[in-house]
Amino acid sequence: MGMPISHIMTSGMSGIRAAGDLVARMQFAKNMRIDEAKKFVADKLNVAPIDLSDEFAMREIREDLGIGVITSVAEAPKGIAAKMNIEKLLDIEINSCERFRNQI
């Protein structure tokens, strides 16, 4: 039952349009509850937890940190490069990044 609830909560935070994907990663990677994950991500991004669902603020933050945005931005990290930046930011390991590193 935890997976559907986490998905609903982070989808409500607009996923990658805001910070829902980052919060979900912390919930699954570190077994954090939603409020703990929001606070952790907000602290890493140096914003208030309420800002995590602000699509306009998060768009700028995500672009500045290179952690992926919905629409393509010239010269901005995409795909695996953005995921690797998320790993560094949140101090977690993402399986697809690890698999990529093992292949190169």
PDB file of N, CA and C in Angstrom:
ATOM      1  N   MET A   1       0.823  -1.190   0.000  1.00  0.00           N
ATOM      2  CA  MET A   1       0.000   0.000   0.000  1.00  0.00           C
ATOM      3  C   MET A   1       0.868   1.256   0.000  1.00  0.00           C
ATOM      4  N   GLY A   2       2.117   1.212   0.488  1.00  0.00           N
ATOM      5  CA  GLY A   2       2.975   2.392   0.538  1.00  0.00           C
ATOM      6  C   GLY A   2       3.300   2.943  -0.836  1.00  0.00           C
ATOM      7  N   MET A   3       3.502   2.064  -1.811  1.00  0.00           N
ATOM      8  CA  MET A   3       3.858   2.520  -3.159  1.00  0.00           C
ATOM      9  C   MET A   3       2.753   3.384  -3.755  1.00  0.00           C
ATOM     10  N   PRO A   4       1.490   2.957  -3.769  1.00  0.00           N
ATOM     11  CA  PRO A   4       0.452   3.801  -4.365  1.00  0.00           C
ATOM     12  C   PRO A   4       0.308   5.143  -3.645  1.00  0.00           C
ATOM     13  N   ILE A   5       0.418   5.151  -2.331  1.00  0.00           N
ATOM     14  CA  ILE A   5       0.291   6.404  -1.591  1.00  0.00           C
ATOM     15  C   ILE A   5       1.438   7.336  -1.938  1.00  0.00           C
ATOM     16  N   SER A   6       2.651   6.822  -1.995  1.00  0.00           N
ATOM     17  CA  SER A   6       3.803   7.638  -2.370  1.00  0.00           C
ATOM     18  C   SER A   6       3.627   8.194  -3.772  1.00  0.00           C
ATOM     19  N   HIS A   7       3.153   7.356  -4.675  1.00  0.00           N
ATOM     20  CA  HIS A   7       2.947   7.796  -6.053  1.00  0.00           C
ATOM     21  C   HIS A   7       1.903   8.912  -6.118  1.00  0.00           C
ATOM     22  N   ILE A   8       0.812   8.755  -5.411  1.00  0.00           N
ATOM     23  CA  ILE A   8      -0.240   9.772  -5.397  1.00  0.00           C
ATOM     24  C   ILE A   8       0.294  11.080  -4.839  1.00  0.00           C
ATOM     25  N   MET A   9       1.022  11.008  -3.736  1.00  0.00           N
ATOM     26  CA  MET A   9       1.541  12.233  -3.101  1.00  0.00           C
ATOM     27  C   MET A   9       2.543  12.940  -4.014  1.00  0.00           C
ATOM     28  N   THR A  10       3.455  12.206  -4.605  1.00  0.00           N
ATOM     29  CA  THR A  10       4.471  12.862  -5.435  1.00  0.00           C
ATOM     30  C   THR A  10       3.895  13.306  -6.764  1.00  0.00           C
ATOM     31  N   SER A  11       2.910  12.589  -7.287  1.00  0.00           N
ATOM     32  CA  SER A  11       2.264  13.043  -8.514  1.00  0.00           C
ATOM     33  C   SER A  11       1.552  14.356  -8.254  1.00  0.00           C
ATOM     34  N   GLY A  12       0.996  14.495  -7.062  1.00  0.00           N
ATOM     35  CA  GLY A  12       0.346  15.741  -6.682  1.00  0.00           C
ATOM     36  C   GLY A  12       1.333  16.883  -6.594  1.00  0.00           C
ATOM     37  N   MET A  13       2.623  16.569  -6.461  1.00  0.00           N
ATOM     38  CA  MET A  13       3.662  17.607  -6.431  1.00  0.00           C
ATOM     39  C   MET A  13       4.202  17.843  -7.835  1.00  0.00           C
ATOM     40  N   SER A  14       3.504  17.362  -8.842  1.00  0.00           N
ATOM     41  CA  SER A  14       3.804  17.604 -10.252  1.00  0.00           C
ATOM     42  C   SER A  14       5.018  16.860 -10.778  1.00  0.00           C
ATOM     43  N   GLY A  15       5.466  15.830 -10.120  1.00  0.00           N
ATOM     44  CA  GLY A  15       6.569  15.031 -10.647  1.00  0.00           C
ATOM     45  C   GLY A  15       7.774  15.873 -11.005  1.00  0.00           C
ATOM     46  N   ILE A  16       8.290  15.714 -12.206  1.00  0.00           N
ATOM     47  CA  ILE A  16       9.487  16.432 -12.635  1.00  0.00           C
ATOM     48  C   ILE A  16       9.188  17.907 -12.937  1.00  0.00           C
ATOM     49  N   ARG A  17       7.926  18.282 -13.075  1.00  0.00           N
ATOM     50  CA  ARG A  17       7.614  19.703 -13.281  1.00  0.00           C
ATOM     51  C   ARG A  17       7.920  20.506 -12.021  1.00  0.00           C
ATOM     52  N   ALA A  18       7.938  19.840 -10.892  1.00  0.00           N
ATOM     53  CA  ALA A  18       8.276  20.509  -9.626  1.00  0.00           C
ATOM     54  C   ALA A  18       9.342  19.656  -8.943  1.00  0.00           C
ATOM     55  N   ALA A  19       9.039  19.079  -7.777  1.00  0.00           N
ATOM     56  CA  ALA A  19      10.042  18.263  -7.082  1.00  0.00           C
ATOM     57  C   ALA A  19       9.515  16.908  -6.651  1.00  0.00           C
ATOM     58  N   GLY A  20       8.384  16.511  -7.176  1.00  0.00           N
ATOM     59  CA  GLY A  20       7.789  15.236  -6.789  1.00  0.00           C
ATOM     60  C   GLY A  20       8.688  14.042  -7.043  1.00  0.00           C
ATOM     61  N   ASP A  21       9.442  14.074  -8.142  1.00  0.00           N
ATOM     62  CA  ASP A  21      10.331  12.945  -8.440  1.00  0.00           C
ATOM     63  C   ASP A  21      11.456  12.861  -7.426  1.00  0.00           C
ATOM     64  N   LEU A  22      11.951  14.000  -6.964  1.00  0.00           N
ATOM     65  CA  LEU A  22      13.041  14.013  -5.983  1.00  0.00           C
ATOM     66  C   LEU A  22      12.557  13.502  -4.630  1.00  0.00           C
ATOM     67  N   VAL A  23      11.365  13.929  -4.250  1.00  0.00           N
ATOM     68  CA  VAL A  23      10.786  13.476  -2.980  1.00  0.00           C
ATOM     69  C   VAL A  23      10.546  11.970  -3.036  1.00  0.00           C
ATOM     70  N   ALA A  24      10.002  11.490  -4.149  1.00  0.00           N
ATOM     71  CA  ALA A  24       9.752  10.049  -4.290  1.00  0.00           C
ATOM     72  C   ALA A  24      11.050   9.255  -4.207  1.00  0.00           C
ATOM     73  N   ARG A  25      12.112   9.759  -4.821  1.00  0.00           N
ATOM     74  CA  ARG A  25      13.409   9.069  -4.755  1.00  0.00           C
ATOM     75  C   ARG A  25      13.862   8.903  -3.309  1.00  0.00           C
ATOM     76  N   MET A  26      13.679   9.931  -2.499  1.00  0.00           N
ATOM     77  CA  MET A  26      14.104   9.842  -1.101  1.00  0.00           C
ATOM     78  C   MET A  26      13.204   8.893  -0.320  1.00  0.00           C
ATOM     79  N   GLN A  27      11.931   8.868  -0.655  1.00  0.00           N
ATOM     80  CA  GLN A  27      11.035   7.933   0.017  1.00  0.00           C
ATOM     81  C   GLN A  27      11.462   6.498  -0.254  1.00  0.00           C
ATOM     82  N   PHE A  28      11.800   6.208  -1.487  1.00  0.00           N
ATOM     83  CA  PHE A  28      12.152   4.834  -1.846  1.00  0.00           C
ATOM     84  C   PHE A  28      13.599   4.506  -1.509  1.00  0.00           C
ATOM     85  N   ALA A  29      14.517   5.434  -1.734  1.00  0.00           N
ATOM     86  CA  ALA A  29      15.942   5.162  -1.508  1.00  0.00           C
ATOM     87  C   ALA A  29      16.301   5.088  -0.030  1.00  0.00           C
ATOM     88  N   LYS A  30      15.667   5.934   0.769  1.00  0.00           N
ATOM     89  CA  LYS A  30      16.022   6.013   2.196  1.00  0.00           C
ATOM     90  C   LYS A  30      14.860   5.671   3.117  1.00  0.00           C
ATOM     91  N   ASN A  31      13.771   5.144   2.521  1.00  0.00           N
ATOM     92  CA  ASN A  31      12.601   4.741   3.302  1.00  0.00           C
ATOM     93  C   ASN A  31      12.068   5.885   4.167  1.00  0.00           C
ATOM     94  N   MET A  32      12.062   7.094   3.608  1.00  0.00           N
ATOM     95  CA  MET A  32      11.589   8.269   4.343  1.00  0.00           C
ATOM     96  C   MET A  32      10.077   8.412   4.179  1.00  0.00           C
ATOM     97  N   ARG A  33       9.462   8.964   5.193  1.00  0.00           N
ATOM     98  CA  ARG A  33       8.059   9.313   5.099  1.00  0.00           C
ATOM     99  C   ARG A  33       7.964  10.603   4.296  1.00  0.00           C
ATOM    100  N   ILE A  34       6.777  10.925   3.798  1.00  0.00           N
ATOM    101  CA  ILE A  34       6.601  12.048   2.883  1.00  0.00           C
ATOM    102  C   ILE A  34       7.115  13.375   3.462  1.00  0.00           C
ATOM    103  N   ASP A  35       6.749  13.690   4.702  1.00  0.00           N
ATOM    104  CA  ASP A  35       7.182  14.969   5.285  1.00  0.00           C
ATOM    105  C   ASP A  35       8.694  15.016   5.485  1.00  0.00           C
ATOM    106  N   GLU A  36       9.277  13.898   5.880  1.00  0.00           N
ATOM    107  CA  GLU A  36      10.726  13.824   6.057  1.00  0.00           C
ATOM    108  C   GLU A  36      11.438  13.984   4.709  1.00  0.00           C
ATOM    109  N   ALA A  37      10.898  13.341   3.672  1.00  0.00           N
ATOM    110  CA  ALA A  37      11.483  13.429   2.336  1.00  0.00           C
ATOM    111  C   ALA A  37      11.379  14.848   1.787  1.00  0.00           C
ATOM    112  N   LYS A  38      10.238  15.489   1.997  1.00  0.00           N
ATOM    113  CA  LYS A  38      10.067  16.875   1.539  1.00  0.00           C
ATOM    114  C   LYS A  38      11.071  17.792   2.221  1.00  0.00           C
ATOM    115  N   LYS A  39      11.229  17.645   3.533  1.00  0.00           N
ATOM    116  CA  LYS A  39      12.171  18.494   4.262  1.00  0.00           C
ATOM    117  C   LYS A  39      13.598  18.249   3.783  1.00  0.00           C
ATOM    118  N   PHE A  40      13.957  16.999   3.585  1.00  0.00           N
ATOM    119  CA  PHE A  40      15.304  16.654   3.121  1.00  0.00           C
ATOM    120  C   PHE A  40      15.586  17.304   1.768  1.00  0.00           C
ATOM    121  N   VAL A  41      14.672  17.131   0.822  1.00  0.00           N
ATOM    122  CA  VAL A  41      14.856  17.691  -0.521  1.00  0.00           C
ATOM    123  C   VAL A  41      14.870  19.217  -0.461  1.00  0.00           C
ATOM    124  N   ALA A  42      13.972  19.802   0.292  1.00  0.00           N
ATOM    125  CA  ALA A  42      13.933  21.266   0.418  1.00  0.00           C
ATOM    126  C   ALA A  42      15.253  21.789   0.974  1.00  0.00           C
ATOM    127  N   ASP A  43      15.793  21.115   1.970  1.00  0.00           N
ATOM    128  CA  ASP A  43      17.086  21.519   2.537  1.00  0.00           C
ATOM    129  C   ASP A  43      18.198  21.419   1.497  1.00  0.00           C
ATOM    130  N   LYS A  44      18.204  20.341   0.712  1.00  0.00           N
ATOM    131  CA  LYS A  44      19.222  20.170  -0.330  1.00  0.00           C
ATOM    132  C   LYS A  44      19.121  21.260  -1.398  1.00  0.00           C
ATOM    133  N   LEU A  45      17.893  21.682  -1.682  1.00  0.00           N
ATOM    134  CA  LEU A  45      17.675  22.700  -2.706  1.00  0.00           C
ATOM    135  C   LEU A  45      17.731  24.118  -2.140  1.00  0.00           C
ATOM    136  N   ASN A  46      17.823  24.211  -0.814  1.00  0.00           N
ATOM    137  CA  ASN A  46      17.866  25.507  -0.132  1.00  0.00           C
ATOM    138  C   ASN A  46      16.589  26.314  -0.373  1.00  0.00           C
ATOM    139  N   VAL A  47      15.442  25.629  -0.254  1.00  0.00           N
ATOM    140  CA  VAL A  47      14.136  26.271  -0.385  1.00  0.00           C
ATOM    141  C   VAL A  47      13.244  25.796   0.768  1.00  0.00           C
ATOM    142  N   ALA A  48      12.094  26.424   0.900  1.00  0.00           N
ATOM    143  CA  ALA A  48      11.103  25.975   1.881  1.00  0.00           C
ATOM    144  C   ALA A  48      10.338  24.787   1.295  1.00  0.00           C
ATOM    145  N   PRO A  49       9.874  23.858   2.132  1.00  0.00           N
ATOM    146  CA  PRO A  49       9.119  22.715   1.608  1.00  0.00           C
ATOM    147  C   PRO A  49       7.936  23.122   0.725  1.00  0.00           C
ATOM    148  N   ILE A  50       7.295  24.227   1.014  1.00  0.00           N
ATOM    149  CA  ILE A  50       6.156  24.678   0.205  1.00  0.00           C
ATOM    150  C   ILE A  50       6.583  24.979  -1.228  1.00  0.00           C
ATOM    151  N   ASP A  51       7.829  25.379  -1.418  1.00  0.00           N
ATOM    152  CA  ASP A  51       8.331  25.705  -2.757  1.00  0.00           C
ATOM    153  C   ASP A  51       8.494  24.480  -3.645  1.00  0.00           C
ATOM    154  N   LEU A  52       8.524  23.300  -3.063  1.00  0.00           N
ATOM    155  CA  LEU A  52       8.730  22.075  -3.841  1.00  0.00           C
ATOM    156  C   LEU A  52       7.608  21.810  -4.838  1.00  0.00           C
ATOM    157  N   SER A  53       6.432  22.345  -4.599  1.00  0.00           N
ATOM    158  CA  SER A  53       5.314  22.136  -5.525  1.00  0.00           C
ATOM    159  C   SER A  53       5.067  23.350  -6.418  1.00  0.00           C
ATOM    160  N   ASP A  54       5.929  24.351  -6.344  1.00  0.00           N
ATOM    161  CA  ASP A  54       5.810  25.543  -7.186  1.00  0.00           C
ATOM    162  C   ASP A  54       6.536  25.283  -8.508  1.00  0.00           C
ATOM    163  N   GLU A  55       5.768  25.050  -9.569  1.00  0.00           N
ATOM    164  CA  GLU A  55       6.357  24.682 -10.857  1.00  0.00           C
ATOM    165  C   GLU A  55       7.275  25.766 -11.410  1.00  0.00           C
ATOM    166  N   PHE A  56       6.953  27.023 -11.172  1.00  0.00           N
ATOM    167  CA  PHE A  56       7.774  28.108 -11.706  1.00  0.00           C
ATOM    168  C   PHE A  56       9.114  28.202 -10.979  1.00  0.00           C
ATOM    169  N   ALA A  57       9.061  28.140  -9.659  1.00  0.00           N
ATOM    170  CA  ALA A  57      10.302  28.198  -8.879  1.00  0.00           C
ATOM    171  C   ALA A  57      11.163  26.967  -9.168  1.00  0.00           C
ATOM    172  N   MET A  58      10.545  25.793  -9.196  1.00  0.00           N
ATOM    173  CA  MET A  58      11.294  24.560  -9.405  1.00  0.00           C
ATOM    174  C   MET A  58      11.866  24.468 -10.813  1.00  0.00           C
ATOM    175  N   ARG A  59      11.209  25.054 -11.789  1.00  0.00           N
ATOM    176  CA  ARG A  59      11.754  25.046 -13.158  1.00  0.00           C
ATOM    177  C   ARG A  59      13.130  25.709 -13.165  1.00  0.00           C
ATOM    178  N   GLU A  60      13.208  26.870 -12.538  1.00  0.00           N
ATOM    179  CA  GLU A  60      14.474  27.609 -12.483  1.00  0.00           C
ATOM    180  C   GLU A  60      15.525  26.843 -11.687  1.00  0.00           C
ATOM    181  N   ILE A  61      15.125  26.306 -10.556  1.00  0.00           N
ATOM    182  CA  ILE A  61      16.047  25.545  -9.708  1.00  0.00           C
ATOM    183  C   ILE A  61      16.564  24.319 -10.451  1.00  0.00           C
ATOM    184  N   ARG A  62      15.659  23.585 -11.091  1.00  0.00           N
ATOM    185  CA  ARG A  62      16.049  22.369 -11.813  1.00  0.00           C
ATOM    186  C   ARG A  62      16.998  22.695 -12.957  1.00  0.00           C
ATOM    187  N   GLU A  63      16.738  23.796 -13.660  1.00  0.00           N
ATOM    188  CA  GLU A  63      17.641  24.202 -14.739  1.00  0.00           C
ATOM    189  C   GLU A  63      19.009  24.563 -14.179  1.00  0.00           C
ATOM    190  N   ASP A  64      19.030  25.362 -13.117  1.00  0.00           N
ATOM    191  CA  ASP A  64      20.301  25.801 -12.522  1.00  0.00           C
ATOM    192  C   ASP A  64      21.138  24.619 -12.037  1.00  0.00           C
ATOM    193  N   LEU A  65      20.483  23.601 -11.471  1.00  0.00           N
ATOM    194  CA  LEU A  65      21.194  22.448 -10.919  1.00  0.00           C
ATOM    195  C   LEU A  65      21.422  21.334 -11.938  1.00  0.00           C
ATOM    196  N   GLY A  66      20.815  21.474 -13.103  1.00  0.00           N
ATOM    197  CA  GLY A  66      20.985  20.447 -14.134  1.00  0.00           C
ATOM    198  C   GLY A  66      20.367  19.116 -13.770  1.00  0.00           C
ATOM    199  N   ILE A  67      19.199  19.153 -13.120  1.00  0.00           N
ATOM    200  CA  ILE A  67      18.575  17.911 -12.669  1.00  0.00           C
ATOM    201  C   ILE A  67      17.320  17.566 -13.469  1.00  0.00           C
ATOM    202  N   GLY A  68      17.223  18.109 -14.669  1.00  0.00           N
ATOM    203  CA  GLY A  68      16.154  17.730 -15.584  1.00  0.00           C
ATOM    204  C   GLY A  68      14.914  18.581 -15.487  1.00  0.00           C
ATOM    205  N   VAL A  69      14.366  18.892 -16.654  1.00  0.00           N
ATOM    206  CA  VAL A  69      13.096  19.608 -16.770  1.00  0.00           C
ATOM    207  C   VAL A  69      12.261  18.903 -17.830  1.00  0.00           C
ATOM    208  N   ILE A  70      10.978  19.222 -17.874  1.00  0.00           N
ATOM    209  CA  ILE A  70      10.064  18.557 -18.813  1.00  0.00           C
ATOM    210  C   ILE A  70      10.421  18.870 -20.259  1.00  0.00           C
ATOM    211  N   THR A  71      10.571  20.146 -20.574  1.00  0.00           N
ATOM    212  CA  THR A  71      10.856  20.533 -21.952  1.00  0.00           C
ATOM    213  C   THR A  71      12.357  20.669 -22.163  1.00  0.00           C
ATOM    214  N   SER A  72      12.775  20.440 -23.361  1.00  0.00           N
ATOM    215  CA  SER A  72      14.189  20.487 -23.681  1.00  0.00           C
ATOM    216  C   SER A  72      14.741  21.906 -23.581  1.00  0.00           C
ATOM    217  N   VAL A  73      15.926  22.016 -23.015  1.00  0.00           N
ATOM    218  CA  VAL A  73      16.628  23.289 -22.908  1.00  0.00           C
ATOM    219  C   VAL A  73      18.009  23.064 -23.516  1.00  0.00           C
ATOM    220  N   ALA A  74      18.378  23.921 -24.439  1.00  0.00           N
ATOM    221  CA  ALA A  74      19.681  23.774 -25.089  1.00  0.00           C
ATOM    222  C   ALA A  74      20.790  23.767 -24.046  1.00  0.00           C
ATOM    223  N   GLU A  75      21.739  22.855 -24.227  1.00  0.00           N
ATOM    224  CA  GLU A  75      22.911  22.750 -23.361  1.00  0.00           C
ATOM    225  C   GLU A  75      22.611  22.208 -21.955  1.00  0.00           C
ATOM    226  N   ALA A  76      21.363  21.961 -21.624  1.00  0.00           N
ATOM    227  CA  ALA A  76      21.013  21.470 -20.285  1.00  0.00           C
ATOM    228  C   ALA A  76      21.153  19.951 -20.224  1.00  0.00           C
ATOM    229  N   PRO A  77      21.567  19.411 -19.066  1.00  0.00           N
ATOM    230  CA  PRO A  77      21.658  17.957 -18.920  1.00  0.00           C
ATOM    231  C   PRO A  77      20.294  17.302 -19.113  1.00  0.00           C
ATOM    232  N   LYS A  78      20.293  16.173 -19.784  1.00  0.00           N
ATOM    233  CA  LYS A  78      19.070  15.408 -20.008  1.00  0.00           C
ATOM    234  C   LYS A  78      19.351  13.954 -19.656  1.00  0.00           C
ATOM    235  N   GLY A  79      18.309  13.205 -19.491  1.00  0.00           N
ATOM    236  CA  GLY A  79      18.425  11.764 -19.301  1.00  0.00           C
ATOM    237  C   GLY A  79      19.386  11.367 -18.202  1.00  0.00           C
ATOM    238  N   ILE A  80      20.330  10.491 -18.547  1.00  0.00           N
ATOM    239  CA  ILE A  80      21.252   9.927 -17.555  1.00  0.00           C
ATOM    240  C   ILE A  80      22.127  11.003 -16.923  1.00  0.00           C
ATOM    241  N   ALA A  81      22.481  12.044 -17.684  1.00  0.00           N
ATOM    242  CA  ALA A  81      23.298  13.126 -17.129  1.00  0.00           C
ATOM    243  C   ALA A  81      22.532  13.855 -16.022  1.00  0.00           C
ATOM    244  N   ALA A  82      21.247  14.109 -16.239  1.00  0.00           N
ATOM    245  CA  ALA A  82      20.427  14.757 -15.216  1.00  0.00           C
ATOM    246  C   ALA A  82      20.285  13.844 -13.995  1.00  0.00           C
ATOM    247  N   LYS A  83      20.112  12.537 -14.228  1.00  0.00           N
ATOM    248  CA  LYS A  83      19.999  11.588 -13.113  1.00  0.00           C
ATOM    249  C   LYS A  83      21.283  11.544 -12.291  1.00  0.00           C
ATOM    250  N   MET A  84      22.422  11.631 -12.956  1.00  0.00           N
ATOM    251  CA  MET A  84      23.689  11.634 -12.228  1.00  0.00           C
ATOM    252  C   MET A  84      23.813  12.895 -11.367  1.00  0.00           C
ATOM    253  N   ASN A  85      23.289  14.003 -11.846  1.00  0.00           N
ATOM    254  CA  ASN A  85      23.282  15.224 -11.038  1.00  0.00           C
ATOM    255  C   ASN A  85      22.345  15.076  -9.842  1.00  0.00           C
ATOM    256  N   ILE A  86      21.238  14.363 -10.036  1.00  0.00           N
ATOM    257  CA  ILE A  86      20.315  14.100  -8.924  1.00  0.00           C
ATOM    258  C   ILE A  86      21.012  13.234  -7.872  1.00  0.00           C
ATOM    259  N   GLU A  87      21.762  12.223  -8.318  1.00  0.00           N
ATOM    260  CA  GLU A  87      22.525  11.382  -7.377  1.00  0.00           C
ATOM    261  C   GLU A  87      23.420  12.238  -6.488  1.00  0.00           C
ATOM    262  N   LYS A  88      24.160  13.135  -7.109  1.00  0.00           N
ATOM    263  CA  LYS A  88      25.081  13.989  -6.350  1.00  0.00           C
ATOM    264  C   LYS A  88      24.330  14.896  -5.393  1.00  0.00           C
ATOM    265  N   LEU A  89      23.263  15.514  -5.893  1.00  0.00           N
ATOM    266  CA  LEU A  89      22.490  16.448  -5.080  1.00  0.00           C
ATOM    267  C   LEU A  89      21.905  15.785  -3.838  1.00  0.00           C
ATOM    268  N   LEU A  90      21.300  14.618  -4.024  1.00  0.00           N
ATOM    269  CA  LEU A  90      20.608  13.937  -2.923  1.00  0.00           C
ATOM    270  C   LEU A  90      21.483  12.934  -2.188  1.00  0.00           C
ATOM    271  N   ASP A  91      22.694  12.725  -2.676  1.00  0.00           N
ATOM    272  CA  ASP A  91      23.620  11.779  -2.064  1.00  0.00           C
ATOM    273  C   ASP A  91      23.009  10.380  -1.983  1.00  0.00           C
ATOM    274  N   ILE A  92      22.496   9.937  -3.145  1.00  0.00           N
ATOM    275  CA  ILE A  92      21.920   8.598  -3.248  1.00  0.00           C
ATOM    276  C   ILE A  92      22.505   7.913  -4.478  1.00  0.00           C
ATOM    277  N   GLU A  93      22.265   6.617  -4.592  1.00  0.00           N
ATOM    278  CA  GLU A  93      22.662   5.864  -5.778  1.00  0.00           C
ATOM    279  C   GLU A  93      21.414   5.546  -6.579  1.00  0.00           C
ATOM    280  N   ILE A  94      21.460   5.809  -7.878  1.00  0.00           N
ATOM    281  CA  ILE A  94      20.360   5.488  -8.774  1.00  0.00           C
ATOM    282  C   ILE A  94      20.826   4.322  -9.634  1.00  0.00           C
ATOM    283  N   ASN A  95      20.048   3.239  -9.640  1.00  0.00           N
ATOM    284  CA  ASN A  95      20.452   2.010 -10.326  1.00  0.00           C
ATOM    285  C   ASN A  95      20.841   2.229 -11.779  1.00  0.00           C
ATOM    286  N   SER A  96      20.054   2.999 -12.519  1.00  0.00           N
ATOM    287  CA  SER A  96      20.365   3.195 -13.934  1.00  0.00           C
ATOM    288  C   SER A  96      21.686   3.927 -14.119  1.00  0.00           C
ATOM    289  N   CYS A  97      22.027   4.815 -13.211  1.00  0.00           N
ATOM    290  CA  CYS A  97      23.312   5.516 -13.292  1.00  0.00           C
ATOM    291  C   CYS A  97      24.461   4.546 -13.028  1.00  0.00           C
ATOM    292  N   GLU A  98      24.274   3.686 -12.052  1.00  0.00           N
ATOM    293  CA  GLU A  98      25.308   2.707 -11.728  1.00  0.00           C
ATOM    294  C   GLU A  98      25.519   1.741 -12.895  1.00  0.00           C
ATOM    295  N   ARG A  99      24.427   1.296 -13.506  1.00  0.00           N
ATOM    296  CA  ARG A  99      24.535   0.407 -14.676  1.00  0.00           C
ATOM    297  C   ARG A  99      25.253   1.112 -15.819  1.00  0.00           C
ATOM    298  N   PHE A 100      24.945   2.392 -16.025  1.00  0.00           N
ATOM    299  CA  PHE A 100      25.608   3.155 -17.074  1.00  0.00           C
ATOM    300  C   PHE A 100      27.107   3.266 -16.821  1.00  0.00           C
ATOM    301  N   ARG A 101      27.490   3.579 -15.577  1.00  0.00           N
ATOM    302  CA  ARG A 101      28.902   3.676 -15.230  1.00  0.00           C
ATOM    303  C   ARG A 101      29.625   2.350 -15.457  1.00  0.00           C
ATOM    304  N   ASN A 102      28.969   1.230 -15.181  1.00  0.00           N
ATOM    305  CA  ASN A 102      29.582  -0.084 -15.390  1.00  0.00           C
ATOM    306  C   ASN A 102      29.774  -0.422 -16.860  1.00  0.00           C
ATOM    307  N   GLN A 103      28.968   0.206 -17.714  1.00  0.00           N
ATOM    308  CA  GLN A 103      29.058  -0.068 -19.150  1.00  0.00           C
ATOM    309  C   GLN A 103      30.154   0.758 -19.830  1.00  0.00           C
ATOM    310  N   ILE A 104      30.504   1.898 -19.243  1.00  0.00           N
ATOM    311  CA  ILE A 104      31.484   2.749 -19.924  1.00  0.00           C
ATOM    312  C   ILE A 104      32.894   2.514 -19.440  1.00  0.00           C
TER     313      ILE A 104
END
